[in-house]
Amino acid sequence: MIIALVQIPLDGPKRPHHDVIDQSLNSTKIFHKVKGLRRKYYLNSEAGGGGVYEFDSRENAESWFNDCWADWMEGRFGVRPTLTLFDNPVVLDNEAGEVRVDGTPVPPPWQDD
């Protein structure tokens, strides 16, 4: 699994909560069609906005974040975003009470205690 962190530096105060919700909901029209995208978390802070993306593979992440992507984002937000791709081999899911390694559930280490 691949995690992508996109940061969009914006000047000024933190965007109003309702504006972020409206813009984010509208953009789901685009992102629900992205091949291999499992989840997208929309971010908002005093430093700007962005997103955390969970992709099923590096190939699909790199396909989405292609050479034209930064230009498209700059056209939308007026600033160039930064992108960092991370391998994500281990996931702790406290809601499900499980640990996954490369997508496969494993016995949680705390059960050994």
PDB file of N, CA and C in Angstrom:
ATOM      1  N   MET A   1       0.846  -1.161   0.000  1.00  0.00           N
ATOM      2  CA  MET A   1       0.000   0.000   0.000  1.00  0.00           C
ATOM      3  C   MET A   1       0.899   1.234   0.000  1.00  0.00           C
ATOM      4  N   ILE A   2       0.413   2.302  -0.609  1.00  0.00           N
ATOM      5  CA  ILE A   2       1.143   3.563  -0.705  1.00  0.00           C
ATOM      6  C   ILE A   2       0.308   4.662  -0.063  1.00  0.00           C
ATOM      7  N   ILE A   3       0.947   5.500   0.740  1.00  0.00           N
ATOM      8  CA  ILE A   3       0.317   6.683   1.300  1.00  0.00           C
ATOM      9  C   ILE A   3       0.959   7.891   0.631  1.00  0.00           C
ATOM     10  N   ALA A   4       0.123   8.775   0.120  1.00  0.00           N
ATOM     11  CA  ALA A   4       0.602  10.016  -0.478  1.00  0.00           C
ATOM     12  C   ALA A   4       0.170  11.168   0.414  1.00  0.00           C
ATOM     13  N   LEU A   5       1.114  12.037   0.709  1.00  0.00           N
ATOM     14  CA  LEU A   5       0.830  13.245   1.468  1.00  0.00           C
ATOM     15  C   LEU A   5       0.966  14.433   0.526  1.00  0.00           C
ATOM     16  N   VAL A   6      -0.137  15.138   0.329  1.00  0.00           N
ATOM     17  CA  VAL A   6      -0.147  16.340  -0.503  1.00  0.00           C
ATOM     18  C   VAL A   6      -0.352  17.530   0.418  1.00  0.00           C
ATOM     19  N   GLN A   7       0.526  18.518   0.303  1.00  0.00           N
ATOM     20  CA  GLN A   7       0.399  19.732   1.095  1.00  0.00           C
ATOM     21  C   GLN A   7       0.282  20.926   0.155  1.00  0.00           C
ATOM     22  N   ILE A   8      -0.718  21.766   0.438  1.00  0.00           N
ATOM     23  CA  ILE A   8      -0.979  22.952  -0.368  1.00  0.00           C
ATOM     24  C   ILE A   8      -0.796  24.165   0.540  1.00  0.00           C
ATOM     25  N   PRO A   9       0.349  24.842   0.430  1.00  0.00           N
ATOM     26  CA  PRO A   9       0.578  25.997   1.309  1.00  0.00           C
ATOM     27  C   PRO A   9      -0.314  27.166   0.881  1.00  0.00           C
ATOM     28  N   LEU A  10      -1.077  27.696   1.826  1.00  0.00           N
ATOM     29  CA  LEU A  10      -1.964  28.816   1.546  1.00  0.00           C
ATOM     30  C   LEU A  10      -1.710  29.931   2.547  1.00  0.00           C
ATOM     31  N   ASP A  11      -1.691  31.174   2.063  1.00  0.00           N
ATOM     32  CA  ASP A  11      -1.539  32.327   2.942  1.00  0.00           C
ATOM     33  C   ASP A  11      -2.872  32.637   3.610  1.00  0.00           C
ATOM     34  N   GLY A  12      -2.775  33.256   4.766  1.00  0.00           N
ATOM     35  CA  GLY A  12      -3.993  33.693   5.427  1.00  0.00           C
ATOM     36  C   GLY A  12      -4.428  32.753   6.520  1.00  0.00           C
ATOM     37  N   PRO A  13      -5.569  33.038   7.073  1.00  0.00           N
ATOM     38  CA  PRO A  13      -6.065  32.191   8.171  1.00  0.00           C
ATOM     39  C   PRO A  13      -6.563  30.841   7.661  1.00  0.00           C
ATOM     40  N   LYS A  14      -6.779  29.952   8.596  1.00  0.00           N
ATOM     41  CA  LYS A  14      -7.351  28.641   8.295  1.00  0.00           C
ATOM     42  C   LYS A  14      -8.685  28.830   7.575  1.00  0.00           C
ATOM     43  N   ARG A  15      -8.916  28.037   6.544  1.00  0.00           N
ATOM     44  CA  ARG A  15     -10.170  28.142   5.791  1.00  0.00           C
ATOM     45  C   ARG A  15     -11.349  27.754   6.671  1.00  0.00           C
ATOM     46  N   PRO A  16     -12.484  28.427   6.497  1.00  0.00           N
ATOM     47  CA  PRO A  16     -13.659  28.093   7.298  1.00  0.00           C
ATOM     48  C   PRO A  16     -14.079  26.633   7.088  1.00  0.00           C
ATOM     49  N   HIS A  17     -14.473  25.995   8.181  1.00  0.00           N
ATOM     50  CA  HIS A  17     -14.852  24.584   8.187  1.00  0.00           C
ATOM     51  C   HIS A  17     -15.890  24.266   7.111  1.00  0.00           C
ATOM     52  N   HIS A  18     -16.928  25.070   7.009  1.00  0.00           N
ATOM     53  CA  HIS A  18     -17.997  24.790   6.030  1.00  0.00           C
ATOM     54  C   HIS A  18     -17.498  24.935   4.599  1.00  0.00           C
ATOM     55  N   ASP A  19     -16.555  25.845   4.350  1.00  0.00           N
ATOM     56  CA  ASP A  19     -15.980  25.980   3.001  1.00  0.00           C
ATOM     57  C   ASP A  19     -15.191  24.729   2.629  1.00  0.00           C
ATOM     58  N   VAL A  20     -14.427  24.214   3.588  1.00  0.00           N
ATOM     59  CA  VAL A  20     -13.637  23.008   3.338  1.00  0.00           C
ATOM     60  C   VAL A  20     -14.564  21.837   3.041  1.00  0.00           C
ATOM     61  N   ILE A  21     -15.633  21.723   3.800  1.00  0.00           N
ATOM     62  CA  ILE A  21     -16.592  20.634   3.565  1.00  0.00           C
ATOM     63  C   ILE A  21     -17.207  20.761   2.184  1.00  0.00           C
ATOM     64  N   ASP A  22     -17.662  21.953   1.817  1.00  0.00           N
ATOM     65  CA  ASP A  22     -18.276  22.148   0.500  1.00  0.00           C
ATOM     66  C   ASP A  22     -17.306  21.817  -0.628  1.00  0.00           C
ATOM     67  N   GLN A  23     -16.079  22.347  -0.545  1.00  0.00           N
ATOM     68  CA  GLN A  23     -15.079  22.105  -1.583  1.00  0.00           C
ATOM     69  C   GLN A  23     -14.686  20.628  -1.643  1.00  0.00           C
ATOM     70  N   SER A  24     -14.535  20.024  -0.486  1.00  0.00           N
ATOM     71  CA  SER A  24     -14.121  18.622  -0.433  1.00  0.00           C
ATOM     72  C   SER A  24     -15.204  17.709  -0.993  1.00  0.00           C
ATOM     73  N   LEU A  25     -16.442  17.924  -0.569  1.00  0.00           N
ATOM     74  CA  LEU A  25     -17.533  17.102  -1.100  1.00  0.00           C
ATOM     75  C   LEU A  25     -17.631  17.225  -2.611  1.00  0.00           C
ATOM     76  N   ASN A  26     -17.473  18.447  -3.120  1.00  0.00           N
ATOM     77  CA  ASN A  26     -17.527  18.660  -4.568  1.00  0.00           C
ATOM     78  C   ASN A  26     -16.397  17.908  -5.275  1.00  0.00           C
ATOM     79  N   SER A  27     -15.210  17.891  -4.671  1.00  0.00           N
ATOM     80  CA  SER A  27     -14.075  17.233  -5.329  1.00  0.00           C
ATOM     81  C   SER A  27     -14.183  15.707  -5.304  1.00  0.00           C
ATOM     82  N   THR A  28     -15.046  15.158  -4.473  1.00  0.00           N
ATOM     83  CA  THR A  28     -15.211  13.702  -4.490  1.00  0.00           C
ATOM     84  C   THR A  28     -15.727  13.223  -5.837  1.00  0.00           C
ATOM     85  N   LYS A  29     -16.336  14.127  -6.606  1.00  0.00           N
ATOM     86  CA  LYS A  29     -16.777  13.780  -7.964  1.00  0.00           C
ATOM     87  C   LYS A  29     -15.586  13.375  -8.831  1.00  0.00           C
ATOM     88  N   ILE A  30     -14.436  13.950  -8.548  1.00  0.00           N
ATOM     89  CA  ILE A  30     -13.205  13.629  -9.277  1.00  0.00           C
ATOM     90  C   ILE A  30     -12.541  12.395  -8.679  1.00  0.00           C
ATOM     91  N   PHE A  31     -12.351  12.413  -7.369  1.00  0.00           N
ATOM     92  CA  PHE A  31     -11.501  11.417  -6.724  1.00  0.00           C
ATOM     93  C   PHE A  31     -12.134  10.041  -6.605  1.00  0.00           C
ATOM     94  N   HIS A  32     -13.441   9.926  -6.660  1.00  0.00           N
ATOM     95  CA  HIS A  32     -14.029   8.588  -6.537  1.00  0.00           C
ATOM     96  C   HIS A  32     -13.731   7.724  -7.759  1.00  0.00           C
ATOM     97  N   LYS A  33     -13.256   8.357  -8.840  1.00  0.00           N
ATOM     98  CA  LYS A  33     -12.955   7.633 -10.074  1.00  0.00           C
ATOM     99  C   LYS A  33     -11.470   7.282 -10.225  1.00  0.00           C
ATOM    100  N   VAL A  34     -10.627   7.718  -9.298  1.00  0.00           N
ATOM    101  CA  VAL A  34      -9.181   7.520  -9.427  1.00  0.00           C
ATOM    102  C   VAL A  34      -8.838   6.049  -9.195  1.00  0.00           C
ATOM    103  N   LYS A  35      -8.200   5.460 -10.186  1.00  0.00           N
ATOM    104  CA  LYS A  35      -7.853   4.037 -10.129  1.00  0.00           C
ATOM    105  C   LYS A  35      -6.925   3.747  -8.944  1.00  0.00           C
ATOM    106  N   GLY A  36      -7.321   2.784  -8.130  1.00  0.00           N
ATOM    107  CA  GLY A  36      -6.492   2.335  -7.027  1.00  0.00           C
ATOM    108  C   GLY A  36      -6.568   3.179  -5.771  1.00  0.00           C
ATOM    109  N   LEU A  37      -7.320   4.285  -5.796  1.00  0.00           N
ATOM    110  CA  LEU A  37      -7.436   5.122  -4.604  1.00  0.00           C
ATOM    111  C   LEU A  37      -8.441   4.486  -3.652  1.00  0.00           C
ATOM    112  N   ARG A  38      -7.965   4.102  -2.482  1.00  0.00           N
ATOM    113  CA  ARG A  38      -8.834   3.468  -1.485  1.00  0.00           C
ATOM    114  C   ARG A  38      -9.512   4.501  -0.596  1.00  0.00           C
ATOM    115  N   ARG A  39      -8.743   5.487  -0.153  1.00  0.00           N
ATOM    116  CA  ARG A  39      -9.267   6.519   0.735  1.00  0.00           C
ATOM    117  C   ARG A  39      -8.542   7.825   0.469  1.00  0.00           C
ATOM    118  N   LYS A  40      -9.262   8.919   0.740  1.00  0.00           N
ATOM    119  CA  LYS A  40      -8.645  10.242   0.719  1.00  0.00           C
ATOM    120  C   LYS A  40      -9.133  10.987   1.938  1.00  0.00           C
ATOM    121  N   TYR A  41      -8.194  11.506   2.714  1.00  0.00           N
ATOM    122  CA  TYR A  41      -8.501  12.314   3.885  1.00  0.00           C
ATOM    123  C   TYR A  41      -8.210  13.768   3.522  1.00  0.00           C
ATOM    124  N   TYR A  42      -9.190  14.624   3.657  1.00  0.00           N
ATOM    125  CA  TYR A  42      -9.052  16.038   3.339  1.00  0.00           C
ATOM    126  C   TYR A  42      -8.522  16.776   4.566  1.00  0.00           C
ATOM    127  N   LEU A  43      -7.523  17.634   4.368  1.00  0.00           N
ATOM    128  CA  LEU A  43      -6.850  18.312   5.465  1.00  0.00           C
ATOM    129  C   LEU A  43      -7.055  19.821   5.407  1.00  0.00           C
ATOM    130  N   ASN A  44      -7.061  20.450   6.581  1.00  0.00           N
ATOM    131  CA  ASN A  44      -7.200  21.895   6.688  1.00  0.00           C
ATOM    132  C   ASN A  44      -6.449  22.358   7.933  1.00  0.00           C
ATOM    133  N   SER A  45      -5.621  23.389   7.768  1.00  0.00           N
ATOM    134  CA  SER A  45      -4.896  23.951   8.904  1.00  0.00           C
ATOM    135  C   SER A  45      -4.546  25.399   8.615  1.00  0.00           C
ATOM    136  N   GLU A  46      -3.916  26.025   9.601  1.00  0.00           N
ATOM    137  CA  GLU A  46      -3.455  27.404   9.416  1.00  0.00           C
ATOM    138  C   GLU A  46      -2.391  27.482   8.324  1.00  0.00           C
ATOM    139  N   ALA A  47      -1.679  26.398   8.078  1.00  0.00           N
ATOM    140  CA  ALA A  47      -0.609  26.374   7.070  1.00  0.00           C
ATOM    141  C   ALA A  47      -1.133  26.099   5.667  1.00  0.00           C
ATOM    142  N   GLY A  48      -2.410  25.752   5.541  1.00  0.00           N
ATOM    143  CA  GLY A  48      -2.980  25.469   4.227  1.00  0.00           C
ATOM    144  C   GLY A  48      -3.821  24.221   4.252  1.00  0.00           C
ATOM    145  N   GLY A  49      -3.891  23.581   3.121  1.00  0.00           N
ATOM    146  CA  GLY A  49      -4.716  22.388   2.996  1.00  0.00           C
ATOM    147  C   GLY A  49      -3.919  21.251   2.401  1.00  0.00           C
ATOM    148  N   GLY A  50      -4.652  20.221   2.023  1.00  0.00           N
ATOM    149  CA  GLY A  50      -3.996  19.084   1.409  1.00  0.00           C
ATOM    150  C   GLY A  50      -4.806  17.826   1.592  1.00  0.00           C
ATOM    151  N   GLY A  51      -4.127  16.709   1.446  1.00  0.00           N
ATOM    152  CA  GLY A  51      -4.806  15.441   1.587  1.00  0.00           C
ATOM    153  C   GLY A  51      -3.843  14.308   1.854  1.00  0.00           C
ATOM    154  N   VAL A  52      -4.388  13.280   2.485  1.00  0.00           N
ATOM    155  CA  VAL A  52      -3.678  12.029   2.666  1.00  0.00           C
ATOM    156  C   VAL A  52      -4.435  11.006   1.836  1.00  0.00           C
ATOM    157  N   TYR A  53      -3.718  10.370   0.916  1.00  0.00           N
ATOM    158  CA  TYR A  53      -4.320   9.436  -0.029  1.00  0.00           C
ATOM    159  C   TYR A  53      -3.789   8.041   0.260  1.00  0.00           C
ATOM    160  N   GLU A  54      -4.664   7.071   0.248  1.00  0.00           N
ATOM    161  CA  GLU A  54      -4.259   5.675   0.390  1.00  0.00           C
ATOM    162  C   GLU A  54      -4.502   4.973  -0.941  1.00  0.00           C
ATOM    163  N   PHE A  55      -3.407   4.518  -1.558  1.00  0.00           N
ATOM    164  CA  PHE A  55      -3.483   3.820  -2.842  1.00  0.00           C
ATOM    165  C   PHE A  55      -3.147   2.351  -2.666  1.00  0.00           C
ATOM    166  N   ASP A  56      -3.682   1.538  -3.536  1.00  0.00           N
ATOM    167  CA  ASP A  56      -3.410   0.106  -3.485  1.00  0.00           C
ATOM    168  C   ASP A  56      -2.027  -0.256  -4.001  1.00  0.00           C
ATOM    169  N   SER A  57      -1.415   0.623  -4.820  1.00  0.00           N
ATOM    170  CA  SER A  57      -0.096   0.318  -5.376  1.00  0.00           C
ATOM    171  C   SER A  57       0.640   1.600  -5.747  1.00  0.00           C
ATOM    172  N   ARG A  58       1.959   1.509  -5.810  1.00  0.00           N
ATOM    173  CA  ARG A  58       2.767   2.651  -6.240  1.00  0.00           C
ATOM    174  C   ARG A  58       2.452   3.007  -7.696  1.00  0.00           C
ATOM    175  N   GLU A  59       2.227   1.985  -8.508  1.00  0.00           N
ATOM    176  CA  GLU A  59       1.904   2.217  -9.918  1.00  0.00           C
ATOM    177  C   GLU A  59       0.674   3.116 -10.061  1.00  0.00           C
ATOM    178  N   ASN A  60      -0.391   2.824  -9.319  1.00  0.00           N
ATOM    179  CA  ASN A  60      -1.599   3.639  -9.413  1.00  0.00           C
ATOM    180  C   ASN A  60      -1.399   5.039  -8.828  1.00  0.00           C
ATOM    181  N   ALA A  61      -0.621   5.137  -7.753  1.00  0.00           N
ATOM    182  CA  ALA A  61      -0.339   6.455  -7.182  1.00  0.00           C
ATOM    183  C   ALA A  61       0.454   7.306  -8.168  1.00  0.00           C
ATOM    184  N   GLU A  62       1.483   6.729  -8.749  1.00  0.00           N
ATOM    185  CA  GLU A  62       2.302   7.484  -9.694  1.00  0.00           C
ATOM    186  C   GLU A  62       1.532   7.816 -10.966  1.00  0.00           C
ATOM    187  N   SER A  63       0.591   6.976 -11.335  1.00  0.00           N
ATOM    188  CA  SER A  63      -0.251   7.265 -12.500  1.00  0.00           C
ATOM    189  C   SER A  63      -1.116   8.499 -12.241  1.00  0.00           C
ATOM    190  N   TRP A  64      -1.661   8.607 -11.029  1.00  0.00           N
ATOM    191  CA  TRP A  64      -2.489   9.773 -10.703  1.00  0.00           C
ATOM    192  C   TRP A  64      -1.635  11.028 -10.543  1.00  0.00           C
ATOM    193  N   PHE A  65      -0.550  10.911  -9.776  1.00  0.00           N
ATOM    194  CA  PHE A  65       0.328  12.049  -9.524  1.00  0.00           C
ATOM    195  C   PHE A  65       1.356  12.151 -10.651  1.00  0.00           C
ATOM    196  N   ASN A  66       0.874  12.331 -11.867  1.00  0.00           N
ATOM    197  CA  ASN A  66       1.735  12.368 -13.051  1.00  0.00           C
ATOM    198  C   ASN A  66       2.295  13.775 -13.267  1.00  0.00           C
ATOM    199  N   ASP A  67       2.975  13.970 -14.386  1.00  0.00           N
ATOM    200  CA  ASP A  67       3.619  15.255 -14.664  1.00  0.00           C
ATOM    201  C   ASP A  67       2.627  16.421 -14.743  1.00  0.00           C
ATOM    202  N   CYS A  68       1.418  16.166 -15.163  1.00  0.00           N
ATOM    203  CA  CYS A  68       0.425  17.237 -15.302  1.00  0.00           C
ATOM    204  C   CYS A  68      -0.288  17.555 -13.992  1.00  0.00           C
ATOM    205  N   TRP A  69      -0.193  16.675 -13.013  1.00  0.00           N
ATOM    206  CA  TRP A  69      -0.948  16.827 -11.775  1.00  0.00           C
ATOM    207  C   TRP A  69      -0.622  18.126 -11.034  1.00  0.00           C
ATOM    208  N   ALA A  70       0.664  18.437 -10.843  1.00  0.00           N
ATOM    209  CA  ALA A  70       1.045  19.647 -10.102  1.00  0.00           C
ATOM    210  C   ALA A  70       0.560  20.900 -10.822  1.00  0.00           C
ATOM    211  N   ASP A  71       0.613  20.908 -12.154  1.00  0.00           N
ATOM    212  CA  ASP A  71       0.092  22.053 -12.919  1.00  0.00           C
ATOM    213  C   ASP A  71      -1.413  22.204 -12.702  1.00  0.00           C
ATOM    214  N   TRP A  72      -2.133  21.091 -12.719  1.00  0.00           N
ATOM    215  CA  TRP A  72      -3.583  21.105 -12.504  1.00  0.00           C
ATOM    216  C   TRP A  72      -3.908  21.643 -11.112  1.00  0.00           C
ATOM    217  N   MET A  73      -3.170  21.178 -10.111  1.00  0.00           N
ATOM    218  CA  MET A  73      -3.399  21.637  -8.740  1.00  0.00           C
ATOM    219  C   MET A  73      -3.067  23.114  -8.589  1.00  0.00           C
ATOM    220  N   GLU A  74      -1.997  23.562  -9.217  1.00  0.00           N
ATOM    221  CA  GLU A  74      -1.641  24.975  -9.145  1.00  0.00           C
ATOM    222  C   GLU A  74      -2.729  25.832  -9.781  1.00  0.00           C
ATOM    223  N   GLY A  75      -3.321  25.338 -10.859  1.00  0.00           N
ATOM    224  CA  GLY A  75      -4.431  26.049 -11.486  1.00  0.00           C
ATOM    225  C   GLY A  75      -5.651  26.133 -10.582  1.00  0.00           C
ATOM    226  N   ARG A  76      -5.873  25.124  -9.766  1.00  0.00           N
ATOM    227  CA  ARG A  76      -7.028  25.098  -8.854  1.00  0.00           C
ATOM    228  C   ARG A  76      -6.819  25.973  -7.620  1.00  0.00           C
ATOM    229  N   PHE A  77      -5.592  25.964  -7.080  1.00  0.00           N
ATOM    230  CA  PHE A  77      -5.353  26.613  -5.788  1.00  0.00           C
ATOM    231  C   PHE A  77      -4.434  27.833  -5.861  1.00  0.00           C
ATOM    232  N   GLY A  78      -3.817  28.055  -7.007  1.00  0.00           N
ATOM    233  CA  GLY A  78      -2.950  29.219  -7.151  1.00  0.00           C
ATOM    234  C   GLY A  78      -1.550  29.022  -6.584  1.00  0.00           C
ATOM    235  N   VAL A  79      -1.267  27.848  -6.054  1.00  0.00           N
ATOM    236  CA  VAL A  79       0.068  27.523  -5.532  1.00  0.00           C
ATOM    237  C   VAL A  79       0.406  26.094  -5.925  1.00  0.00           C
ATOM    238  N   ARG A  80       1.693  25.819  -5.974  1.00  0.00           N
ATOM    239  CA  ARG A  80       2.139  24.473  -6.328  1.00  0.00           C
ATOM    240  C   ARG A  80       2.179  23.612  -5.068  1.00  0.00           C
ATOM    241  N   PRO A  81       1.579  22.445  -5.098  1.00  0.00           N
ATOM    242  CA  PRO A  81       1.594  21.571  -3.930  1.00  0.00           C
ATOM    243  C   PRO A  81       2.910  20.805  -3.816  1.00  0.00           C
ATOM    244  N   THR A  82       3.134  20.246  -2.644  1.00  0.00           N
ATOM    245  CA  THR A  82       4.228  19.301  -2.479  1.00  0.00           C
ATOM    246  C   THR A  82       3.620  17.901  -2.356  1.00  0.00           C
ATOM    247  N   LEU A  83       4.355  16.923  -2.805  1.00  0.00           N
ATOM    248  CA  LEU A  83       3.898  15.541  -2.794  1.00  0.00           C
ATOM    249  C   LEU A  83       5.000  14.661  -2.222  1.00  0.00           C
ATOM    250  N   THR A  84       4.630  13.802  -1.268  1.00  0.00           N
ATOM    251  CA  THR A  84       5.544  12.799  -0.732  1.00  0.00           C
ATOM    252  C   THR A  84       4.820  11.467  -0.769  1.00  0.00           C
ATOM    253  N   LEU A  85       5.455  10.461  -1.367  1.00  0.00           N
ATOM    254  CA  LEU A  85       4.905   9.104  -1.396  1.00  0.00           C
ATOM    255  C   LEU A  85       5.635   8.249  -0.365  1.00  0.00           C
ATOM    256  N   PHE A  86       4.851   7.490   0.393  1.00  0.00           N
ATOM    257  CA  PHE A  86       5.395   6.618   1.437  1.00  0.00           C
ATOM    258  C   PHE A  86       4.944   5.187   1.176  1.00  0.00           C
ATOM    259  N   ASP A  87       5.854   4.218   1.348  1.00  0.00           N
ATOM    260  CA  ASP A  87       5.442   2.827   1.433  1.00  0.00           C
ATOM    261  C   ASP A  87       4.761   2.666   2.780  1.00  0.00           C
ATOM    262  N   ASN A  88       3.718   1.854   2.840  1.00  0.00           N
ATOM    263  CA  ASN A  88       2.967   1.650   4.084  1.00  0.00           C
ATOM    264  C   ASN A  88       2.812   0.154   4.343  1.00  0.00           C
ATOM    265  N   PRO A  89       3.866  -0.487   4.882  1.00  0.00           N
ATOM    266  CA  PRO A  89       3.826  -1.940   5.051  1.00  0.00           C
ATOM    267  C   PRO A  89       2.998  -2.421   6.240  1.00  0.00           C
ATOM    268  N   VAL A  90       2.838  -1.575   7.292  1.00  0.00           N
ATOM    269  CA  VAL A  90       2.128  -2.003   8.498  1.00  0.00           C
ATOM    270  C   VAL A  90       1.039  -0.999   8.843  1.00  0.00           C
ATOM    271  N   VAL A  91      -0.155  -1.516   9.140  1.00  0.00           N
ATOM    272  CA  VAL A  91      -1.284  -0.686   9.542  1.00  0.00           C
ATOM    273  C   VAL A  91      -1.830  -1.199  10.868  1.00  0.00           C
ATOM    274  N   LEU A  92      -1.970  -0.300  11.823  1.00  0.00           N
ATOM    275  CA  LEU A  92      -2.682  -0.587  13.064  1.00  0.00           C
ATOM    276  C   LEU A  92      -4.074   0.001  12.908  1.00  0.00           C
ATOM    277  N   ASP A  93      -5.086  -0.805  13.012  1.00  0.00           N
ATOM    278  CA  ASP A  93      -6.477  -0.362  12.923  1.00  0.00           C
ATOM    279  C   ASP A  93      -7.128  -0.591  14.280  1.00  0.00           C
ATOM    280  N   ASN A  94      -7.157   0.446  15.096  1.00  0.00           N
ATOM    281  CA  ASN A  94      -7.737   0.317  16.426  1.00  0.00           C
ATOM    282  C   ASN A  94      -9.242   0.099  16.388  1.00  0.00           C
ATOM    283  N   GLU A  95      -9.916   0.647  15.367  1.00  0.00           N
ATOM    284  CA  GLU A  95     -11.359   0.434  15.272  1.00  0.00           C
ATOM    285  C   GLU A  95     -11.688  -1.032  15.026  1.00  0.00           C
ATOM    286  N   ALA A  96     -10.909  -1.668  14.168  1.00  0.00           N
ATOM    287  CA  ALA A  96     -11.130  -3.086  13.868  1.00  0.00           C
ATOM    288  C   ALA A  96     -10.387  -3.998  14.844  1.00  0.00           C
ATOM    289  N   GLY A  97      -9.481  -3.409  15.639  1.00  0.00           N
ATOM    290  CA  GLY A  97      -8.705  -4.212  16.572  1.00  0.00           C
ATOM    291  C   GLY A  97      -7.746  -5.150  15.894  1.00  0.00           C
ATOM    292  N   GLU A  98      -7.127  -4.665  14.793  1.00  0.00           N
ATOM    293  CA  GLU A  98      -6.222  -5.551  14.068  1.00  0.00           C
ATOM    294  C   GLU A  98      -4.991  -4.822  13.574  1.00  0.00           C
ATOM    295  N   VAL A  99      -3.998  -5.633  13.223  1.00  0.00           N
ATOM    296  CA  VAL A  99      -2.766  -5.172  12.597  1.00  0.00           C
ATOM    297  C   VAL A  99      -2.663  -5.896  11.264  1.00  0.00           C
ATOM    298  N   ARG A 100      -2.293  -5.144  10.212  1.00  0.00           N
ATOM    299  CA  ARG A 100      -2.107  -5.746   8.897  1.00  0.00           C
ATOM    300  C   ARG A 100      -0.679  -5.483   8.421  1.00  0.00           C
ATOM    301  N   VAL A 101      -0.080  -6.508   7.845  1.00  0.00           N
ATOM    302  CA  VAL A 101       1.238  -6.392   7.224  1.00  0.00           C
ATOM    303  C   VAL A 101       1.051  -6.692   5.753  1.00  0.00           C
ATOM    304  N   ASP A 102       1.406  -5.718   4.919  1.00  0.00           N
ATOM    305  CA  ASP A 102       1.206  -5.829   3.470  1.00  0.00           C
ATOM    306  C   ASP A 102      -0.228  -6.249   3.143  1.00  0.00           C
ATOM    307  N   GLY A 103      -1.179  -5.695   3.907  1.00  0.00           N
ATOM    308  CA  GLY A 103      -2.599  -5.924   3.650  1.00  0.00           C
ATOM    309  C   GLY A 103      -3.186  -7.163   4.298  1.00  0.00           C
ATOM    310  N   THR A 104      -2.351  -7.999   4.900  1.00  0.00           N
ATOM    311  CA  THR A 104      -2.818  -9.250   5.497  1.00  0.00           C
ATOM    312  C   THR A 104      -2.859  -9.120   7.020  1.00  0.00           C
ATOM    313  N   PRO A 105      -3.992  -9.432   7.644  1.00  0.00           N
ATOM    314  CA  PRO A 105      -4.048  -9.387   9.114  1.00  0.00           C
ATOM    315  C   PRO A 105      -3.043 -10.350   9.733  1.00  0.00           C
ATOM    316  N   VAL A 106      -2.393  -9.885  10.808  1.00  0.00           N
ATOM    317  CA  VAL A 106      -1.451 -10.702  11.575  1.00  0.00           C
ATOM    318  C   VAL A 106      -1.881 -10.672  13.035  1.00  0.00           C
ATOM    319  N   PRO A 107      -1.448 -11.637  13.823  1.00  0.00           N
ATOM    320  CA  PRO A 107      -1.780 -11.605  15.250  1.00  0.00           C
ATOM    321  C   PRO A 107      -1.239 -10.315  15.881  1.00  0.00           C
ATOM    322  N   PRO A 108      -2.065  -9.558  16.567  1.00  0.00           N
ATOM    323  CA  PRO A 108      -1.584  -8.322  17.200  1.00  0.00           C
ATOM    324  C   PRO A 108      -0.521  -8.619  18.249  1.00  0.00           C
ATOM    325  N   PRO A 109       0.593  -7.907  18.211  1.00  0.00           N
ATOM    326  CA  PRO A 109       1.671  -8.161  19.166  1.00  0.00           C
ATOM    327  C   PRO A 109       1.253  -8.008  20.630  1.00  0.00           C
ATOM    328  N   TRP A 110       0.262  -7.189  20.906  1.00  0.00           N
ATOM    329  CA  TRP A 110      -0.155  -6.993  22.293  1.00  0.00           C
ATOM    330  C   TRP A 110      -0.863  -8.219  22.870  1.00  0.00           C
ATOM    331  N   GLN A 111      -1.251  -9.154  22.017  1.00  0.00           N
ATOM    332  CA  GLN A 111      -1.868 -10.374  22.532  1.00  0.00           C
ATOM    333  C   GLN A 111      -0.843 -11.272  23.211  1.00  0.00           C
ATOM    334  N   ASP A 112       0.454 -11.009  22.968  1.00  0.00           N
ATOM    335  CA  ASP A 112       1.525 -11.790  23.592  1.00  0.00           C
ATOM    336  C   ASP A 112       1.787 -11.334  25.017  1.00  0.00           C
ATOM    337  N   ASP A 113       1.285 -10.149  25.379  1.00  0.00           N
ATOM    338  CA  ASP A 113       1.557  -9.583  26.724  1.00  0.00           C
ATOM    339  C   ASP A 113       0.833 -10.348  27.810  1.00  0.00           C
TER     340      ASP A 113
END
